[in-house]
Amino acid sequence: MTTPSTTTAAADARIPAQHPFSAHLRRAATAEEAATHQLWTPQDGPLPALYLSHGAPMLFEMTDWMTELHTWARSLPKPRAILIVSAHWESAPLSISTSQPTEIVYDFRGFDPMYFQMRYDTPAATELARQVAALMPHSEPVHEHSSRGLDHGAWVPLKIMYPDADIPVLQLSMPTHDPERLFDLGRRLRALRQSGVLVIGSGYMTHGLPFLDWANPEKVPGWSSDFDAWAAEALDRGDIDELADFHNRAPGMPYAHPTVEHFTPLFVTLGAATDPTAPPATTVDGYAIGLSKRSFQAA
């Protein structure tokens, strides 16, 4: 019988050998052969909560960034399951993607046709769906979409971090952009970390696409670097109030985030942390096409 991971591997085998992602897959396979990525056990303690800047399908062409993400994933115990909140699914009431294997969502356009043939067929996430539903109050039941798969804010970074597609994954919708409510949502999810579930907020630390100088893609605009520095300092101080008032306090607004959905997943991550005021560990920084790649893990 064909398993989800083998269908992913078959699609990956059709990627041209000279493509950067094909080279990434070869490096990932070599790393796994050298040292098997050990599955999380209770002795490892709770997994951290992550905020990651995910990029678009062009991330599959960025060797250094892919290496950073994969190295980060292998520095942690291999999760038993992953729950991810993506900037690309804004939906209320609170919803989860289907817990059964299904097609991923190709919610982008203008990219090489190869990216529309990629797959990320992960195992059923029935148990994780049950856990998530049990954590929510009776006044806020979780709706499971029977056919909605992972969007690119979820499957693009996860395909790089966990290319074998052998971990159950659920995507949780972002029902609001209110930092306090998202923080509370993350707090409810905190218990998942104790059972080997990796909780991820997926966005982009700056996302002012309309204001980039596309003639000079390596140029970092002042609004991007200023916002990134402000966020890094606030995170180091554990200043949740400062971060929550980003509309008014952050330099570079509204250029850094003309719409806020790529920043607000950060509050789910912080809410899921054991101590949201403790300085998180920055795992990826720097810039890509002028946007901040800052990503971190919170214990």
Protein backbone atom coordinates (compact mmCIF):
# COMPACT_ATOMS: atom_id res chain seq x y z
CA MET A 1 0.00 0.00 0.00
CA THR A 2 1.25 3.49 -0.82
CA THR A 3 1.85 5.51 2.34
CA PRO A 4 1.71 9.32 2.56
CA SER A 5 5.47 9.61 3.01
CA THR A 6 6.15 7.54 -0.12
CA THR A 7 3.91 9.77 -2.25
CA THR A 8 5.86 12.78 -0.99
CA ALA A 9 9.14 11.06 -1.78
CA ALA A 10 7.92 10.18 -5.28
CA ALA A 11 7.05 13.82 -5.97
CA ASP A 12 10.40 14.97 -4.55
CA ALA A 13 12.20 12.55 -6.88
CA ARG A 14 10.85 14.52 -9.85
CA ILE A 15 12.53 17.74 -8.73
CA PRO A 16 15.54 18.46 -10.99
CA ALA A 17 18.76 17.28 -9.36
CA GLN A 18 20.38 20.69 -9.79
CA HIS A 19 17.59 22.53 -7.96
CA PRO A 20 18.58 23.92 -4.51
CA PHE A 21 15.78 22.02 -2.79
CA SER A 22 16.91 18.75 -4.31
CA ALA A 23 20.35 19.43 -2.86
CA HIS A 24 18.70 20.22 0.48
CA LEU A 25 16.92 16.86 0.44
CA ARG A 26 20.22 15.11 -0.19
CA ARG A 27 21.84 16.94 2.74
CA ALA A 28 18.88 16.09 4.98
CA ALA A 29 19.11 12.41 4.03
CA THR A 30 22.84 12.38 4.75
CA ALA A 31 22.25 13.93 8.17
CA GLU A 32 19.60 11.31 8.98
CA GLU A 33 21.89 8.48 7.89
CA ALA A 34 24.67 9.83 10.08
CA ALA A 35 22.43 10.21 13.15
CA THR A 36 18.77 9.24 13.34
CA HIS A 37 16.57 12.09 14.55
CA GLN A 38 15.35 10.74 17.87
CA LEU A 39 11.63 10.90 18.60
CA TRP A 40 10.54 12.97 21.60
CA THR A 41 10.07 11.12 24.88
CA PRO A 42 8.67 12.45 28.19
CA GLN A 43 12.21 12.50 29.55
CA ASP A 44 12.97 15.32 27.08
CA GLY A 45 10.51 17.63 28.83
CA PRO A 46 8.14 20.00 27.01
CA LEU A 47 9.07 21.00 23.48
CA PRO A 48 9.51 24.74 22.94
CA ALA A 49 6.98 26.89 21.13
CA LEU A 50 8.26 28.34 17.85
CA TYR A 51 7.70 31.50 15.87
CA LEU A 52 9.12 31.19 12.39
CA SER A 53 9.32 33.45 9.40
CA HIS A 54 8.29 31.15 6.60
CA GLY A 55 8.80 32.78 3.21
CA ALA A 56 7.04 31.82 -0.01
CA PRO A 57 7.91 28.94 -2.38
CA MET A 58 11.05 30.90 -3.32
CA LEU A 59 12.34 29.70 0.06
CA PHE A 60 13.03 26.39 -1.72
CA GLU A 61 15.73 28.24 -3.65
CA MET A 62 17.45 29.80 -0.60
CA THR A 63 20.09 27.30 0.49
CA ASP A 64 21.31 29.12 3.59
CA TRP A 65 17.81 29.72 4.97
CA MET A 66 16.77 26.11 4.32
CA THR A 67 19.88 24.91 6.13
CA GLU A 68 19.11 27.13 9.12
CA LEU A 69 15.56 25.80 9.37
CA HIS A 70 16.57 22.16 9.04
CA THR A 71 19.41 22.52 11.53
CA TRP A 72 16.94 24.11 13.95
CA ALA A 73 14.51 21.22 13.55
CA ARG A 74 17.21 18.62 14.19
CA SER A 75 18.42 20.47 17.29
CA LEU A 76 15.08 19.59 18.92
CA PRO A 77 13.70 16.13 19.64
CA LYS A 78 11.57 14.94 16.75
CA PRO A 79 7.99 15.91 17.64
CA ARG A 80 5.22 13.35 17.88
CA ALA A 81 2.90 15.84 16.17
CA ILE A 82 2.87 19.47 15.02
CA LEU A 83 0.19 22.13 15.47
CA ILE A 84 0.81 25.20 13.34
CA VAL A 85 -0.95 28.56 13.08
CA SER A 86 -0.27 30.18 9.71
CA ALA A 87 -0.64 33.77 8.59
CA HIS A 88 -2.52 32.44 5.59
CA TRP A 89 -5.60 31.06 7.32
CA GLU A 90 -7.61 33.79 8.99
CA SER A 91 -10.91 32.20 9.96
CA ALA A 92 -13.43 32.43 12.76
CA PRO A 93 -14.81 30.52 14.51
CA LEU A 94 -11.71 28.59 15.48
CA SER A 95 -11.06 25.77 13.02
CA ILE A 96 -8.54 23.04 12.29
CA SER A 97 -7.53 21.50 9.01
CA THR A 98 -8.63 17.96 8.30
CA SER A 99 -7.06 15.34 10.54
CA GLN A 100 -6.93 12.91 7.61
CA PRO A 101 -4.35 12.97 4.79
CA THR A 102 -5.45 15.29 2.01
CA GLU A 103 -4.11 17.62 -0.68
CA ILE A 104 -2.05 20.61 0.39
CA VAL A 105 -3.19 24.11 -0.57
CA TYR A 106 -1.27 25.89 -3.33
CA ASP A 107 -2.30 29.38 -2.19
CA PHE A 108 0.16 31.33 -4.35
CA ARG A 109 0.61 32.25 -7.98
CA GLY A 110 3.29 33.30 -10.41
CA PHE A 111 5.81 30.65 -9.34
CA ASP A 112 7.44 27.85 -11.31
CA PRO A 113 4.93 25.04 -12.09
CA MET A 114 7.20 22.67 -10.18
CA TYR A 115 5.97 24.14 -6.90
CA PHE A 116 2.38 23.25 -7.74
CA GLN A 117 3.41 19.60 -8.03
CA MET A 118 5.08 19.38 -4.62
CA ARG A 119 3.46 17.22 -1.96
CA TYR A 120 3.56 17.02 1.81
CA ASP A 121 1.44 14.01 2.67
CA THR A 122 1.63 13.63 6.42
CA PRO A 123 0.03 10.88 8.54
CA ALA A 124 -3.43 11.18 10.08
CA ALA A 125 -3.59 13.60 13.02
CA THR A 126 -6.73 12.22 14.66
CA GLU A 127 -5.28 12.13 18.17
CA LEU A 128 -3.95 15.69 17.90
CA ALA A 129 -7.37 16.90 16.72
CA ARG A 130 -8.91 15.29 19.79
CA GLN A 131 -6.34 16.92 22.07
CA VAL A 132 -6.88 20.39 20.60
CA ALA A 133 -10.65 20.13 20.89
CA ALA A 134 -10.36 19.04 24.52
CA LEU A 135 -8.31 22.13 25.39
CA MET A 136 -10.89 24.60 24.15
CA PRO A 137 -13.79 25.85 26.31
CA HIS A 138 -17.31 24.59 25.62
CA SER A 139 -18.17 28.10 24.47
CA GLU A 140 -15.58 27.85 21.67
CA PRO A 141 -15.86 24.46 19.97
CA VAL A 142 -13.32 23.68 17.26
CA HIS A 143 -14.65 23.04 13.76
CA GLU A 144 -12.73 20.50 11.69
CA HIS A 145 -12.76 21.14 7.95
CA SER A 146 -13.16 17.79 6.25
CA SER A 147 -11.18 18.70 3.14
CA ARG A 148 -8.88 21.62 4.00
CA GLY A 149 -5.19 20.81 3.81
CA LEU A 150 -2.11 22.74 4.87
CA ASP A 151 -1.49 26.11 3.22
CA HIS A 152 1.94 27.30 2.15
CA GLY A 153 2.55 29.08 5.45
CA ALA A 154 2.53 25.61 6.99
CA TRP A 155 3.78 23.12 4.42
CA VAL A 156 6.60 25.19 2.91
CA PRO A 157 8.65 25.57 6.12
CA LEU A 158 7.69 22.12 7.44
CA LYS A 159 8.72 20.43 4.20
CA ILE A 160 12.16 21.98 4.70
CA MET A 161 12.38 21.25 8.42
CA TYR A 162 10.87 17.75 8.34
CA PRO A 163 11.18 16.62 4.71
CA ASP A 164 10.21 12.99 5.33
CA ALA A 165 6.58 14.03 5.93
CA ASP A 166 6.30 11.40 8.66
CA ILE A 167 4.92 13.59 11.48
CA PRO A 168 1.16 14.23 11.91
CA VAL A 169 0.38 17.91 11.30
CA LEU A 170 -2.69 20.00 11.97
CA GLN A 171 -3.19 23.62 11.06
CA LEU A 172 -5.17 25.87 13.39
CA SER A 173 -6.94 28.92 12.00
CA MET A 174 -6.23 32.41 13.29
CA PRO A 175 -9.67 33.58 14.46
CA THR A 176 -8.60 37.11 15.39
CA HIS A 177 -5.68 39.52 15.31
CA ASP A 178 -6.23 40.74 18.83
CA PRO A 179 -2.95 40.03 20.68
CA GLU A 180 -4.66 39.34 24.00
CA ARG A 181 -7.03 36.77 22.51
CA LEU A 182 -4.25 35.09 20.53
CA PHE A 183 -2.07 35.01 23.65
CA ASP A 184 -4.91 33.30 25.50
CA LEU A 185 -5.29 30.80 22.66
CA GLY A 186 -1.60 29.98 22.93
CA ARG A 187 -1.96 29.58 26.70
CA ARG A 188 -4.63 26.94 26.14
CA LEU A 189 -2.33 25.10 23.75
CA ARG A 190 0.58 25.12 26.19
CA ALA A 191 -0.24 21.67 27.57
CA LEU A 192 0.33 20.11 24.14
CA ARG A 193 4.05 20.74 24.44
CA GLN A 194 4.22 18.34 27.39
CA SER A 195 3.07 15.47 25.18
CA GLY A 196 5.64 16.01 22.43
CA VAL A 197 3.58 18.35 20.23
CA LEU A 198 5.46 21.20 18.55
CA VAL A 199 3.37 24.38 18.61
CA ILE A 200 4.32 26.82 15.85
CA GLY A 201 3.25 30.33 14.92
CA SER A 202 4.17 30.85 11.27
CA GLY A 203 4.43 34.36 9.86
CA TYR A 204 7.19 36.77 8.84
CA MET A 205 8.81 39.29 11.17
CA THR A 206 8.41 41.99 8.53
CA HIS A 207 6.17 41.67 5.51
CA GLY A 208 5.92 44.99 3.68
CA LEU A 209 5.88 43.48 0.21
CA PRO A 210 4.26 46.53 -1.47
CA PHE A 211 7.08 48.76 -0.25
CA LEU A 212 10.12 46.74 -1.31
CA ASP A 213 12.55 47.98 -3.93
CA TRP A 214 12.27 45.07 -6.32
CA ALA A 215 15.06 46.52 -8.46
CA ASN A 216 17.38 46.08 -5.45
CA PRO A 217 16.08 42.95 -3.69
CA GLU A 218 19.05 42.73 -1.33
CA LYS A 219 18.49 46.24 0.03
CA VAL A 220 17.05 46.22 3.55
CA PRO A 221 14.58 49.10 3.96
CA GLY A 222 14.83 51.17 7.12
CA TRP A 223 11.27 50.29 8.10
CA SER A 224 12.21 46.60 8.03
CA SER A 225 15.41 46.87 10.07
CA ASP A 226 13.84 49.31 12.54
CA PHE A 227 10.84 47.08 13.19
CA ASP A 228 13.06 44.02 13.54
CA ALA A 229 15.34 45.73 16.05
CA TRP A 230 12.34 46.95 18.06
CA ALA A 231 10.80 43.46 18.16
CA ALA A 232 14.11 41.85 19.14
CA GLU A 233 14.58 44.28 22.03
CA ALA A 234 10.99 43.87 23.27
CA LEU A 235 11.32 40.08 23.14
CA ASP A 236 14.59 40.21 25.07
CA ARG A 237 12.87 42.29 27.76
CA GLY A 238 9.84 40.00 27.83
CA ASP A 239 7.70 43.06 27.26
CA ILE A 240 4.41 41.56 26.09
CA ASP A 241 2.56 44.88 26.47
CA GLU A 242 5.03 46.62 24.17
CA LEU A 243 4.69 43.90 21.55
CA ALA A 244 0.90 43.87 21.82
CA ASP A 245 0.78 47.61 21.12
CA PHE A 246 2.87 47.25 17.96
CA HIS A 247 0.41 49.36 15.96
CA ASN A 248 1.35 52.40 18.03
CA ARG A 249 4.83 51.68 19.37
CA ALA A 250 6.72 49.86 16.63
CA PRO A 251 8.88 51.93 14.28
CA GLY A 252 8.38 51.16 10.62
CA MET A 253 4.62 50.76 10.88
CA PRO A 254 2.57 50.45 8.78
CA TYR A 255 5.21 49.70 6.15
CA ALA A 256 6.61 46.68 8.00
CA HIS A 257 3.09 45.23 8.25
CA PRO A 258 0.50 46.91 6.03
CA THR A 259 -1.67 43.99 7.12
CA VAL A 260 -0.83 42.30 10.39
CA GLU A 261 -1.44 38.58 9.84
CA HIS A 262 2.27 37.76 9.50
CA PHE A 263 3.15 39.29 12.87
CA THR A 264 0.25 38.24 15.06
CA PRO A 265 1.00 34.46 15.11
CA LEU A 266 3.83 35.53 17.43
CA PHE A 267 1.28 35.96 20.23
CA VAL A 268 0.14 32.35 19.95
CA THR A 269 3.78 31.31 20.34
CA LEU A 270 4.35 33.52 23.37
CA GLY A 271 1.10 32.37 24.98
CA ALA A 272 2.17 28.76 24.58
CA ALA A 273 5.49 29.41 26.33
CA THR A 274 5.97 28.28 29.92
CA ASP A 275 7.15 31.78 30.83
CA PRO A 276 6.13 34.25 28.12
CA THR A 277 8.26 36.99 29.69
CA ALA A 278 11.49 34.98 29.48
CA PRO A 279 13.76 36.02 26.59
CA PRO A 280 13.28 33.52 23.75
CA ALA A 281 16.22 32.03 21.87
CA THR A 282 16.67 33.54 18.41
CA THR A 283 17.33 30.72 15.96
CA VAL A 284 17.27 32.52 12.60
CA ASP A 285 17.93 36.18 11.88
CA GLY A 286 19.04 38.34 8.98
CA TYR A 287 17.03 39.32 5.92
CA ALA A 288 15.70 37.88 2.68
CA ILE A 289 14.53 40.24 -0.09
CA GLY A 290 14.70 43.00 2.52
CA LEU A 291 12.36 41.27 4.99
CA SER A 292 13.36 40.13 8.48
CA LYS A 293 13.70 36.35 8.83
CA ARG A 294 13.80 36.56 12.63
CA SER A 295 12.57 33.32 14.17
CA PHE A 296 12.77 32.11 17.74
CA GLN A 297 11.88 29.39 20.21
CA ALA A 298 10.30 30.00 23.62
CA ALA A 299 10.69 27.46 26.39
